[in-house]
Amino acid sequence: MIVFFVLAVGNNTQFKKFCEFADSPELADDMRFRTNKDRVHNRDVLAELINDLTKKFSTSYWLEELEKLQVPCGPVNTIREVFEDSQIQHRGMEISMPHHLSGNGKVNLIGSPLKMSETPVSYSNAPPTLGQHTDEILEELLGISEKERAVLAEKGVI
């Protein structure tokens, strides 16, 4: 099962609650994970263990149950899920801008969270594509000639 959520354990008590709920109380006593410093130091190992534990149940299961235990966590949403959220819709957070690489000529984006009555936000450009401004930056800001850029491109640098 693919599970997507953020587990934001901020202290030893929360970690212990998570471990007990995940039916792995031994993790809280493991010397590698006893303190927050230990957990950060052994993050890669711990992340793998937690991934194995959490994929046994759905994202909604973990979120509902961990919230009851006051263990901080939250969903990781797809763009579609973000735009379907009632609060996002209420605040008018979805914007649409023209984009030449989009199949329908536009791309949906998350708008600015800042909403001011007398200075409404405006949007002038969609996000650039990867490398869209490379030549411009290398030439105008760094003074790299077209010939030098061609050599860099040939070598796979840019």
C-alpha atoms as a PDB file:
ATOM      1  CA  MET A   1       0.000   0.000   0.000  1.00  0.00           C
ATOM      2  CA  ILE A   2       1.295   3.454  -0.875  1.00  0.00           C
ATOM      3  CA  VAL A   3       0.963   5.835   2.054  1.00  0.00           C
ATOM      4  CA  PHE A   4       1.670   9.559   1.919  1.00  0.00           C
ATOM      5  CA  PHE A   5       1.736  11.605   5.087  1.00  0.00           C
ATOM      6  CA  VAL A   6       4.155  13.694   7.092  1.00  0.00           C
ATOM      7  CA  LEU A   7       4.981  12.478  10.571  1.00  0.00           C
ATOM      8  CA  ALA A   8       6.174  15.484  12.578  1.00  0.00           C
ATOM      9  CA  VAL A   9       7.281  13.921  15.850  1.00  0.00           C
ATOM     10  CA  GLY A  10       8.817  16.750  17.843  1.00  0.00           C
ATOM     11  CA  ASN A  11       9.700  15.133  21.152  1.00  0.00           C
ATOM     12  CA  ASN A  12      10.312  11.830  22.892  1.00  0.00           C
ATOM     13  CA  THR A  13       6.753  11.527  24.215  1.00  0.00           C
ATOM     14  CA  GLN A  14       5.279  11.864  20.729  1.00  0.00           C
ATOM     15  CA  PHE A  15       7.782   9.357  19.354  1.00  0.00           C
ATOM     16  CA  LYS A  16       6.900   6.866  22.083  1.00  0.00           C
ATOM     17  CA  LYS A  17       3.167   7.301  21.378  1.00  0.00           C
ATOM     18  CA  PHE A  18       3.779   6.709  17.680  1.00  0.00           C
ATOM     19  CA  CYS A  19       5.887   3.603  18.321  1.00  0.00           C
ATOM     20  CA  GLU A  20       3.339   2.116  20.700  1.00  0.00           C
ATOM     21  CA  PHE A  21       0.473   2.797  18.312  1.00  0.00           C
ATOM     22  CA  ALA A  22       2.469   1.341  15.392  1.00  0.00           C
ATOM     23  CA  ASP A  23       2.886  -1.835  17.455  1.00  0.00           C
ATOM     24  CA  SER A  24       6.651  -1.290  17.639  1.00  0.00           C
ATOM     25  CA  PRO A  25       7.309  -0.040  21.187  1.00  0.00           C
ATOM     26  CA  GLU A  26      10.851  -1.382  20.997  1.00  0.00           C
ATOM     27  CA  LEU A  27      11.791   1.456  18.621  1.00  0.00           C
ATOM     28  CA  ALA A  28      11.315   4.012  21.397  1.00  0.00           C
ATOM     29  CA  ASP A  29      13.839   2.111  23.539  1.00  0.00           C
ATOM     30  CA  ASP A  30      16.324   1.529  20.718  1.00  0.00           C
ATOM     31  CA  MET A  31      19.541   3.434  21.538  1.00  0.00           C
ATOM     32  CA  ARG A  32      19.622   4.799  17.978  1.00  0.00           C
ATOM     33  CA  PHE A  33      16.266   6.548  18.448  1.00  0.00           C
ATOM     34  CA  ARG A  34      15.947   7.381  22.158  1.00  0.00           C
ATOM     35  CA  THR A  35      16.314  11.148  21.779  1.00  0.00           C
ATOM     36  CA  ASN A  36      15.478  13.586  19.016  1.00  0.00           C
ATOM     37  CA  LYS A  37      19.200  14.071  18.416  1.00  0.00           C
ATOM     38  CA  ASP A  38      19.606  10.296  18.038  1.00  0.00           C
ATOM     39  CA  ARG A  39      16.658  10.118  15.643  1.00  0.00           C
ATOM     40  CA  VAL A  40      18.071  12.916  13.505  1.00  0.00           C
ATOM     41  CA  HIS A  41      21.501  11.266  13.488  1.00  0.00           C
ATOM     42  CA  ASN A  42      19.952   7.935  12.415  1.00  0.00           C
ATOM     43  CA  ARG A  43      17.264   9.442  10.204  1.00  0.00           C
ATOM     44  CA  ASP A  44      17.833   7.205   7.174  1.00  0.00           C
ATOM     45  CA  VAL A  45      17.500   3.982   9.160  1.00  0.00           C
ATOM     46  CA  LEU A  46      14.511   5.291  11.094  1.00  0.00           C
ATOM     47  CA  ALA A  47      12.751   6.537   7.957  1.00  0.00           C
ATOM     48  CA  GLU A  48      13.041   3.094   6.384  1.00  0.00           C
ATOM     49  CA  LEU A  49      11.634   1.439   9.514  1.00  0.00           C
ATOM     50  CA  ILE A  50       8.753   3.906   9.704  1.00  0.00           C
ATOM     51  CA  ASN A  51       8.005   3.468   5.996  1.00  0.00           C
ATOM     52  CA  ASP A  52       7.751  -0.286   6.522  1.00  0.00           C
ATOM     53  CA  LEU A  53       5.420   0.198   9.492  1.00  0.00           C
ATOM     54  CA  THR A  54       3.133   2.759   7.908  1.00  0.00           C
ATOM     55  CA  LYS A  55       2.477   0.987   4.620  1.00  0.00           C
ATOM     56  CA  LYS A  56       0.402  -1.614   6.464  1.00  0.00           C
ATOM     57  CA  PHE A  57      -2.560   0.796   6.656  1.00  0.00           C
ATOM     58  CA  SER A  58      -4.056   3.661   4.659  1.00  0.00           C
ATOM     59  CA  THR A  59      -3.041   7.289   4.951  1.00  0.00           C
ATOM     60  CA  SER A  60      -6.439   8.206   6.394  1.00  0.00           C
ATOM     61  CA  TYR A  61      -6.085   5.518   9.069  1.00  0.00           C
ATOM     62  CA  TRP A  62      -2.746   6.921  10.250  1.00  0.00           C
ATOM     63  CA  LEU A  63      -3.941  10.525  10.174  1.00  0.00           C
ATOM     64  CA  GLU A  64      -7.133   9.829  12.109  1.00  0.00           C
ATOM     65  CA  GLU A  65      -5.533   7.630  14.740  1.00  0.00           C
ATOM     66  CA  LEU A  66      -2.363   9.670  15.275  1.00  0.00           C
ATOM     67  CA  GLU A  67      -4.424  12.849  15.600  1.00  0.00           C
ATOM     68  CA  LYS A  68      -6.361  11.199  18.443  1.00  0.00           C
ATOM     69  CA  LEU A  69      -3.020  10.549  20.160  1.00  0.00           C
ATOM     70  CA  GLN A  70      -1.866  14.127  19.522  1.00  0.00           C
ATOM     71  CA  VAL A  71       1.037  12.944  17.394  1.00  0.00           C
ATOM     72  CA  PRO A  72       1.582  15.674  14.780  1.00  0.00           C
ATOM     73  CA  CYS A  73       1.056  14.502  11.224  1.00  0.00           C
ATOM     74  CA  GLY A  74      -0.574  15.658   8.031  1.00  0.00           C
ATOM     75  CA  PRO A  75      -1.418  14.473   4.539  1.00  0.00           C
ATOM     76  CA  VAL A  76       0.813  14.868   1.515  1.00  0.00           C
ATOM     77  CA  ASN A  77      -1.647  15.848  -1.194  1.00  0.00           C
ATOM     78  CA  THR A  78      -1.448  15.607  -4.945  1.00  0.00           C
ATOM     79  CA  ILE A  79      -2.082  18.819  -6.866  1.00  0.00           C
ATOM     80  CA  ARG A  80      -5.583  17.516  -7.663  1.00  0.00           C
ATOM     81  CA  GLU A  81      -6.268  16.904  -3.968  1.00  0.00           C
ATOM     82  CA  VAL A  82      -4.999  20.372  -3.101  1.00  0.00           C
ATOM     83  CA  PHE A  83      -7.381  22.001  -5.568  1.00  0.00           C
ATOM     84  CA  GLU A  84     -10.310  19.869  -4.331  1.00  0.00           C
ATOM     85  CA  ASP A  85      -9.810  21.053  -0.744  1.00  0.00           C
ATOM     86  CA  SER A  86     -12.733  23.216   0.414  1.00  0.00           C
ATOM     87  CA  GLN A  87     -10.482  25.773   2.143  1.00  0.00           C
ATOM     88  CA  ILE A  88      -8.334  26.166  -0.979  1.00  0.00           C
ATOM     89  CA  GLN A  89     -11.501  26.707  -3.036  1.00  0.00           C
ATOM     90  CA  HIS A  90     -12.983  29.135  -0.511  1.00  0.00           C
ATOM     91  CA  ARG A  91      -9.834  31.265  -0.513  1.00  0.00           C
ATOM     92  CA  GLY A  92      -9.551  31.248  -4.315  1.00  0.00           C
ATOM     93  CA  MET A  93      -6.089  29.724  -4.194  1.00  0.00           C
ATOM     94  CA  GLU A  94      -6.226  28.019  -7.599  1.00  0.00           C
ATOM     95  CA  ILE A  95      -5.071  30.181 -10.468  1.00  0.00           C
ATOM     96  CA  SER A  96      -4.655  29.359 -14.138  1.00  0.00           C
ATOM     97  CA  MET A  97      -1.972  30.819 -16.377  1.00  0.00           C
ATOM     98  CA  PRO A  98      -1.033  30.357 -20.019  1.00  0.00           C
ATOM     99  CA  HIS A  99       1.833  27.926 -20.571  1.00  0.00           C
ATOM    100  CA  HIS A 100       3.165  26.815 -23.939  1.00  0.00           C
ATOM    101  CA  LEU A 101       4.013  23.275 -22.779  1.00  0.00           C
ATOM    102  CA  SER A 102       0.584  22.502 -21.375  1.00  0.00           C
ATOM    103  CA  GLY A 103      -1.700  20.301 -23.457  1.00  0.00           C
ATOM    104  CA  ASN A 104      -4.577  22.757 -23.099  1.00  0.00           C
ATOM    105  CA  GLY A 105      -2.426  25.894 -23.249  1.00  0.00           C
ATOM    106  CA  LYS A 106      -2.635  26.701 -19.553  1.00  0.00           C
ATOM    107  CA  VAL A 107      -1.379  25.397 -16.242  1.00  0.00           C
ATOM    108  CA  ASN A 108      -3.178  25.406 -12.906  1.00  0.00           C
ATOM    109  CA  LEU A 109      -1.113  26.748 -10.023  1.00  0.00           C
ATOM    110  CA  ILE A 110      -1.429  27.568  -6.360  1.00  0.00           C
ATOM    111  CA  GLY A 111      -1.896  31.298  -5.934  1.00  0.00           C
ATOM    112  CA  SER A 112      -0.511  33.594  -3.299  1.00  0.00           C
ATOM    113  CA  PRO A 113      -1.852  33.010   0.209  1.00  0.00           C
ATOM    114  CA  LEU A 114      -1.660  36.761   0.844  1.00  0.00           C
ATOM    115  CA  LYS A 115      -5.045  38.329   0.178  1.00  0.00           C
ATOM    116  CA  MET A 116      -5.130  42.098   0.764  1.00  0.00           C
ATOM    117  CA  SER A 117      -8.188  44.182  -0.002  1.00  0.00           C
ATOM    118  CA  GLU A 118      -6.371  47.244  -1.325  1.00  0.00           C
ATOM    119  CA  THR A 119      -3.390  45.600  -2.983  1.00  0.00           C
ATOM    120  CA  PRO A 120      -4.591  42.507  -4.807  1.00  0.00           C
ATOM    121  CA  VAL A 121      -1.897  40.180  -6.046  1.00  0.00           C
ATOM    122  CA  SER A 122      -1.256  39.965  -9.778  1.00  0.00           C
ATOM    123  CA  TYR A 123       0.456  37.265 -11.772  1.00  0.00           C
ATOM    124  CA  SER A 124       2.419  38.005 -14.921  1.00  0.00           C
ATOM    125  CA  ASN A 125       4.321  34.831 -15.817  1.00  0.00           C
ATOM    126  CA  ALA A 126       3.856  31.114 -15.385  1.00  0.00           C
ATOM    127  CA  PRO A 127       6.782  29.246 -13.800  1.00  0.00           C
ATOM    128  CA  PRO A 128       9.715  28.813 -16.171  1.00  0.00           C
ATOM    129  CA  THR A 129      10.609  25.466 -17.642  1.00  0.00           C
ATOM    130  CA  LEU A 130      13.842  23.774 -16.600  1.00  0.00           C
ATOM    131  CA  GLY A 131      16.717  25.718 -18.150  1.00  0.00           C
ATOM    132  CA  GLN A 132      14.441  28.295 -19.784  1.00  0.00           C
ATOM    133  CA  HIS A 133      16.616  31.213 -18.649  1.00  0.00           C
ATOM    134  CA  THR A 134      20.024  29.511 -18.653  1.00  0.00           C
ATOM    135  CA  ASP A 135      21.429  31.349 -21.683  1.00  0.00           C
ATOM    136  CA  GLU A 136      20.062  34.666 -20.487  1.00  0.00           C
ATOM    137  CA  ILE A 137      21.626  34.297 -17.025  1.00  0.00           C
ATOM    138  CA  LEU A 138      24.966  33.006 -18.284  1.00  0.00           C
ATOM    139  CA  GLU A 139      25.259  35.776 -20.864  1.00  0.00           C
ATOM    140  CA  GLU A 140      23.806  38.786 -19.058  1.00  0.00           C
ATOM    141  CA  LEU A 141      24.897  38.114 -15.498  1.00  0.00           C
ATOM    142  CA  LEU A 142      28.076  36.122 -15.973  1.00  0.00           C
ATOM    143  CA  GLY A 143      29.273  37.404 -19.350  1.00  0.00           C
ATOM    144  CA  ILE A 144      29.654  33.922 -20.869  1.00  0.00           C
ATOM    145  CA  SER A 145      29.661  34.092 -24.666  1.00  0.00           C
ATOM    146  CA  GLU A 146      27.524  31.990 -26.985  1.00  0.00           C
ATOM    147  CA  LYS A 147      30.629  30.031 -28.034  1.00  0.00           C
ATOM    148  CA  GLU A 148      31.568  29.319 -24.397  1.00  0.00           C
ATOM    149  CA  ARG A 149      27.990  28.255 -23.655  1.00  0.00           C
ATOM    150  CA  ALA A 150      28.087  25.862 -26.615  1.00  0.00           C
ATOM    151  CA  VAL A 151      31.219  24.238 -25.154  1.00  0.00           C
ATOM    152  CA  LEU A 152      29.537  23.940 -21.750  1.00  0.00           C
ATOM    153  CA  ALA A 153      26.483  22.361 -23.388  1.00  0.00           C
ATOM    154  CA  GLU A 154      28.673  19.947 -25.364  1.00  0.00           C
ATOM    155  CA  LYS A 155      30.347  18.831 -22.119  1.00  0.00           C
ATOM    156  CA  GLY A 156      26.955  18.363 -20.446  1.00  0.00           C
ATOM    157  CA  VAL A 157      27.577  21.135 -17.924  1.00  0.00           C
ATOM    158  CA  ILE A 158      24.424  22.960 -18.998  1.00  0.00           C
END
